[in-house]
Amino acid sequence: MRTRLMLFAGAMVLAACIVIDPPWPSATVVFNVTPPAGSPAGAGWQVIGNLPALGNGAAPGLALTDNGAGVFTGQLPNIYVGTSITYHIEETNPVARAQVASADQEATFTVAAEGNAANTQDVTVEGVRPLTPPTVTFTVTIPSSTPSTDNAAGLGGTPVCIVGDQPEIGAWNAAATPLTAGAAAHTWTKTITFSTNLPTSIQYKFTLCDPSWNDVEKAADCSELANRVLTVTGGTMTQNDTVAEWRNSINFTSAGGGPGTCPN
C-alpha cells in the first residue's frame, strides 16, 4: 500500500509540472486586388511577400483568381495573429510587371484576430512597371511625297525623329532622338530600351528633327494630331506607325516641287 501511495503521489507532482499551452490564435488573410484600367486581357496577378506562401519575397507567390467582377482575390489561411506581412502585387501575364503605388509599392500590416477588418487587404493597383527593361522597336512609314533622296540620304539631310515623354525618346526634345533608314522605302526605325521605371503607357510623336517643332506630324486633313499612346507591357515589342502629313513652316516643298500640303 505504501508503494502504491508513493507512486500515486509522484504522478500527481509530475502532472502538476506539465503546462499545456492553448493553441496560438490564427486568422485568415484575404487579398482583393483591383487591376489598373487598360490591363491586358488575360493578365494574371499574384501577391509577393515575406512569407513562404507569398514566395519569400520572390515569384511565384500567391496566385490570385478573378472573381468575375474585375477583382482578383486570394486567401492565406491559418496565419498566426501578430504576424507582420510585407507584400506587393505583381502582374504575371503576359509579362511580369510590378505594382506602382502612389507612395511605396510595398505594404505592411499585422495580422489581427479572426474577423478583424485589417486582415482583408483591398488593393487598387494604380499602375505597373516592367520588372526587366522593356525594348521597343519603332518603325514609321512616312509620306511618299516627303522630299528626300529617300532613306539613305534622309530628308534633305535631316532624318525622322521620335519624340515623347520619356528620356529615352527625347523628353519632348523634337530633335534629340533620330531614327535610321529602314530597309523598305519611306521607312525609318529605331530600337529603344526603356527604364524599368517606365509607366504603363508612353506618349510620343514623329518629327523631321526640327527642335522648333515646325515639322511635326499632322493628321491626313492637316489638323493637329493627338499624341500617340503606347502601352508598354515589357519584354520585346514592335510598334509600327504611319505618318499621314507633316507640318511645314520651314520652306518645305513637296515631291512635285510645290509647297507642302500642311503649311501651318
Protein backbone atom coordinates (compact mmCIF):
# COMPACT_ATOMS: atom_id res chain seq x y z
CA MET A 1 0.00 0.00 0.00
CA ARG A 2 2.83 2.37 0.83
CA THR A 3 4.46 1.78 -2.58
CA ARG A 4 1.22 2.47 -4.40
CA LEU A 5 0.68 5.72 -2.47
CA MET A 6 4.18 6.92 -3.27
CA LEU A 7 3.73 6.18 -6.99
CA PHE A 8 0.40 7.98 -6.99
CA ALA A 9 1.87 10.98 -5.22
CA GLY A 10 4.78 11.09 -7.71
CA ALA A 11 2.39 11.05 -10.63
CA MET A 12 0.48 13.96 -9.09
CA VAL A 13 3.69 16.00 -8.78
CA LEU A 14 4.70 15.25 -12.41
CA ALA A 15 1.29 16.22 -13.73
CA ALA A 16 1.46 19.49 -11.85
CA CYS A 17 4.76 20.32 -13.57
CA ILE A 18 3.42 19.88 -17.12
CA VAL A 19 1.86 23.05 -18.57
CA ILE A 20 -0.10 22.65 -21.79
CA ASP A 21 -0.45 25.94 -23.68
CA PRO A 22 -3.61 26.56 -25.66
CA PRO A 23 -3.17 26.72 -29.49
CA TRP A 24 -1.77 30.04 -30.71
CA PRO A 25 -4.63 32.03 -32.31
CA SER A 26 -4.59 32.28 -36.08
CA ALA A 27 -6.64 34.02 -38.76
CA THR A 28 -7.30 34.00 -42.48
CA VAL A 29 -5.82 36.82 -44.54
CA VAL A 30 -7.66 37.90 -47.70
CA PHE A 31 -6.22 39.87 -50.63
CA ASN A 32 -8.59 41.65 -53.01
CA VAL A 33 -6.75 43.29 -55.91
CA THR A 34 -8.30 45.63 -58.49
CA PRO A 35 -6.04 45.93 -61.58
CA PRO A 36 -5.44 49.26 -63.30
CA ALA A 37 -7.63 50.30 -66.20
CA GLY A 38 -6.35 49.09 -69.54
CA SER A 39 -4.67 45.96 -68.19
CA PRO A 40 -4.02 43.39 -70.93
CA ALA A 41 -6.74 40.82 -71.48
CA GLY A 42 -5.89 37.62 -69.68
CA ALA A 43 -3.47 39.29 -67.30
CA GLY A 44 -2.83 37.38 -64.09
CA TRP A 45 -1.92 38.77 -60.67
CA GLN A 46 -0.04 37.50 -57.63
CA VAL A 47 0.96 38.65 -54.17
CA ILE A 48 4.70 38.57 -53.36
CA GLY A 49 5.70 38.91 -49.73
CA ASN A 50 7.79 37.84 -46.76
CA LEU A 51 6.02 34.53 -46.03
CA PRO A 52 6.65 31.15 -47.67
CA ALA A 53 3.10 31.20 -49.02
CA LEU A 54 3.94 34.56 -50.64
CA GLY A 55 7.17 33.35 -52.22
CA ASN A 56 9.53 34.62 -49.51
CA GLY A 57 9.92 37.85 -51.46
CA ALA A 58 10.22 36.39 -54.95
CA ALA A 59 7.87 34.97 -57.57
CA PRO A 60 5.97 32.77 -57.67
CA GLY A 61 3.82 34.00 -54.81
CA LEU A 62 0.14 33.69 -54.01
CA ALA A 63 -1.73 33.41 -57.31
CA LEU A 64 -4.97 35.38 -57.34
CA THR A 65 -8.22 34.35 -59.00
CA ASP A 66 -10.58 36.62 -60.94
CA ASN A 67 -13.87 36.75 -59.06
CA GLY A 68 -15.73 37.65 -62.24
CA ALA A 69 -16.26 41.25 -61.20
CA GLY A 70 -12.83 42.54 -62.17
CA VAL A 71 -11.27 41.87 -58.77
CA PHE A 72 -8.57 39.26 -58.21
CA THR A 73 -8.68 37.54 -54.85
CA GLY A 74 -6.76 35.01 -52.78
CA GLN A 75 -6.52 33.78 -49.19
CA LEU A 76 -3.87 32.77 -46.68
CA PRO A 77 -5.45 30.54 -44.00
CA ASN A 78 -4.04 29.82 -40.54
CA ILE A 79 -1.68 32.78 -40.23
CA TYR A 80 -0.68 33.41 -36.62
CA VAL A 81 -2.12 36.55 -35.06
CA GLY A 82 0.66 39.12 -34.64
CA THR A 83 2.48 38.09 -37.83
CA SER A 84 3.84 41.06 -39.76
CA ILE A 85 3.31 40.75 -43.52
CA THR A 86 5.07 42.91 -46.09
CA TYR A 87 3.94 42.46 -49.69
CA HIS A 88 3.45 43.92 -53.13
CA ILE A 89 1.42 42.99 -56.20
CA GLU A 90 2.84 41.71 -59.48
CA GLU A 91 1.24 41.12 -62.85
CA THR A 92 2.13 37.68 -64.18
CA ASN A 93 0.84 37.63 -67.74
CA PRO A 94 1.66 38.47 -70.49
CA VAL A 95 4.87 39.89 -68.98
CA ALA A 96 5.84 40.14 -65.32
CA ARG A 97 5.32 43.69 -64.08
CA ALA A 98 5.36 45.04 -60.54
CA GLN A 99 2.83 47.28 -58.86
CA VAL A 100 3.40 51.01 -58.79
CA ALA A 101 1.62 52.68 -55.86
CA SER A 102 1.22 56.36 -55.09
CA ALA A 103 3.69 56.20 -52.21
CA ASP A 104 5.54 52.90 -51.95
CA GLN A 105 4.87 49.68 -53.78
CA GLU A 106 5.44 47.67 -50.58
CA ALA A 107 2.68 47.50 -47.96
CA THR A 108 2.97 46.15 -44.40
CA PHE A 109 0.29 45.11 -41.92
CA THR A 110 -0.03 42.95 -38.80
CA VAL A 111 -2.41 40.00 -38.71
CA ALA A 112 -5.19 40.61 -36.21
CA ALA A 113 -7.75 38.32 -34.60
CA GLU A 114 -10.02 36.35 -36.89
CA GLY A 115 -12.73 38.56 -38.35
CA ASN A 116 -10.79 41.79 -37.95
CA ALA A 117 -11.08 44.07 -40.98
CA ALA A 118 -7.31 44.56 -41.01
CA ASN A 119 -6.93 41.01 -42.29
CA THR A 120 -8.65 41.92 -45.56
CA GLN A 121 -6.25 43.81 -47.80
CA ASP A 122 -8.12 45.70 -50.53
CA VAL A 123 -5.58 46.93 -53.08
CA THR A 124 -6.22 49.09 -56.13
CA VAL A 125 -3.21 48.93 -58.42
CA GLU A 126 -2.62 52.38 -59.85
CA GLY A 127 -0.17 51.20 -62.46
CA VAL A 128 2.58 48.71 -63.17
CA ARG A 129 6.19 48.92 -64.21
CA PRO A 130 8.29 46.34 -66.04
CA LEU A 131 10.47 44.10 -63.90
CA THR A 132 13.03 43.94 -66.72
CA PRO A 133 13.93 46.80 -69.08
CA PRO A 134 11.46 46.76 -71.98
CA THR A 135 12.73 47.11 -75.54
CA VAL A 136 10.57 48.62 -78.28
CA THR A 137 11.42 48.70 -81.99
CA PHE A 138 9.64 51.65 -83.57
CA THR A 139 9.17 51.62 -87.35
CA VAL A 140 7.41 54.51 -89.06
CA THR A 141 6.32 54.85 -92.69
CA ILE A 142 6.42 58.47 -93.87
CA PRO A 143 4.50 60.07 -96.75
CA SER A 144 5.94 59.22 -100.15
CA SER A 145 5.67 62.91 -101.03
CA THR A 146 8.21 63.83 -98.37
CA PRO A 147 11.15 65.35 -100.28
CA SER A 148 14.32 63.37 -99.98
CA THR A 149 16.74 61.34 -101.92
CA ASP A 150 14.89 58.72 -99.95
CA ASN A 151 16.05 56.94 -96.90
CA ALA A 152 19.78 56.70 -97.40
CA ALA A 153 20.26 60.47 -97.63
CA GLY A 154 17.38 61.32 -95.34
CA LEU A 155 15.02 64.26 -95.67
CA GLY A 156 17.30 66.85 -97.15
CA GLY A 157 19.95 65.56 -94.78
CA THR A 158 17.52 65.56 -91.87
CA PRO A 159 16.21 62.21 -90.61
CA VAL A 160 12.94 61.42 -88.88
CA CYS A 161 12.94 61.77 -85.10
CA ILE A 162 10.76 60.21 -82.43
CA VAL A 163 9.93 62.47 -79.52
CA GLY A 164 7.98 61.70 -76.38
CA ASP A 165 7.52 61.92 -72.64
CA GLN A 166 10.41 59.64 -71.64
CA PRO A 167 14.15 60.47 -71.52
CA GLU A 168 14.91 57.66 -73.96
CA ILE A 169 12.78 59.40 -76.61
CA GLY A 170 13.96 62.92 -76.00
CA ALA A 171 11.70 64.10 -73.17
CA TRP A 172 9.83 66.24 -75.73
CA ASN A 173 13.01 67.50 -77.40
CA ALA A 174 11.92 67.23 -81.02
CA ALA A 175 15.42 66.74 -82.41
CA ALA A 176 17.03 64.55 -79.76
CA THR A 177 16.23 61.03 -80.97
CA PRO A 178 16.73 60.45 -84.72
CA LEU A 179 15.72 57.21 -86.37
CA THR A 180 17.71 55.38 -89.04
CA ALA A 181 16.67 54.48 -92.56
CA GLY A 182 14.70 51.26 -92.79
CA ALA A 183 15.09 48.55 -95.41
CA ALA A 184 11.78 49.42 -97.07
CA ALA A 185 11.22 52.67 -98.93
CA HIS A 186 9.98 55.59 -96.85
CA THR A 187 10.52 53.77 -93.56
CA TRP A 188 12.58 54.79 -90.55
CA THR A 189 13.31 52.70 -87.49
CA LYS A 190 14.94 52.63 -84.08
CA THR A 191 15.12 50.12 -81.24
CA ILE A 192 14.92 51.74 -77.81
CA THR A 193 15.44 50.14 -74.39
CA PHE A 194 13.49 51.91 -71.67
CA SER A 195 13.99 52.04 -67.91
CA THR A 196 12.09 49.70 -65.61
CA ASN A 197 10.60 52.88 -64.07
CA LEU A 198 8.56 53.28 -67.23
CA PRO A 199 4.86 54.00 -66.60
CA THR A 200 2.13 51.78 -68.01
CA SER A 201 1.91 53.84 -71.20
CA ILE A 202 4.08 56.36 -73.01
CA GLN A 203 3.22 59.26 -75.32
CA TYR A 204 5.14 60.19 -78.45
CA LYS A 205 5.10 61.76 -81.93
CA PHE A 206 7.30 61.88 -85.01
CA THR A 207 9.03 64.98 -86.40
CA LEU A 208 11.57 65.83 -89.10
CA CYS A 209 14.00 66.61 -86.27
CA ASP A 210 13.40 70.36 -86.14
CA PRO A 211 13.84 71.43 -82.49
CA SER A 212 11.29 74.21 -83.07
CA TRP A 213 8.54 71.67 -83.84
CA ASN A 214 7.99 73.25 -87.26
CA ASP A 215 7.74 69.87 -88.94
CA VAL A 216 5.81 67.68 -86.51
CA GLU A 217 3.46 65.07 -87.95
CA LYS A 218 -0.14 66.03 -88.63
CA ALA A 219 -3.35 64.21 -89.47
CA ALA A 220 -4.31 63.44 -93.06
CA ASP A 221 -6.59 66.51 -93.15
CA CYS A 222 -3.75 68.68 -91.80
CA SER A 223 -5.40 69.00 -88.39
CA GLU A 224 -3.34 68.73 -85.24
CA LEU A 225 -2.64 65.16 -84.22
CA ALA A 226 -3.02 63.95 -80.65
CA ASN A 227 -0.02 62.33 -79.03
CA ARG A 228 0.40 58.69 -79.90
CA VAL A 229 -0.02 56.39 -76.88
CA LEU A 230 1.69 53.03 -76.48
CA THR A 231 1.04 50.59 -73.64
CA VAL A 232 4.41 49.06 -72.78
CA THR A 233 3.96 45.59 -71.31
CA GLY A 234 7.66 44.81 -71.00
CA GLY A 235 9.91 42.36 -72.79
CA THR A 236 10.48 42.95 -76.51
CA MET A 237 7.88 44.81 -78.52
CA THR A 238 7.45 46.04 -82.10
CA GLN A 239 5.47 49.19 -82.89
CA ASN A 240 4.60 50.11 -86.49
CA ASP A 241 3.22 53.59 -87.26
CA THR A 242 2.38 55.66 -90.33
CA VAL A 243 2.69 59.43 -90.69
CA ALA A 244 -0.03 60.94 -92.89
CA GLU A 245 1.30 64.51 -93.24
CA TRP A 246 3.88 66.93 -91.86
CA ARG A 247 3.52 70.47 -90.63
CA ASN A 248 5.67 72.73 -92.76
CA SER A 249 6.82 76.21 -91.96
CA ILE A 250 10.49 75.69 -92.86
CA ASN A 251 10.30 76.14 -96.64
CA PHE A 252 9.15 72.57 -97.04
CA THR A 253 8.40 71.54 -100.63
CA SER A 254 6.53 68.51 -101.88
CA ALA A 255 7.98 65.90 -104.21
CA GLY A 256 6.42 67.77 -107.13
CA GLY A 257 8.24 70.97 -106.25
CA GLY A 258 5.21 72.79 -104.84
CA PRO A 259 4.55 73.90 -101.28
CA GLY A 260 3.79 71.34 -98.60
CA THR A 261 0.20 70.28 -98.12
CA CYS A 262 0.14 71.34 -94.46
CA PRO A 263 1.74 74.77 -94.34
CA ASN A 264 0.77 75.62 -90.76
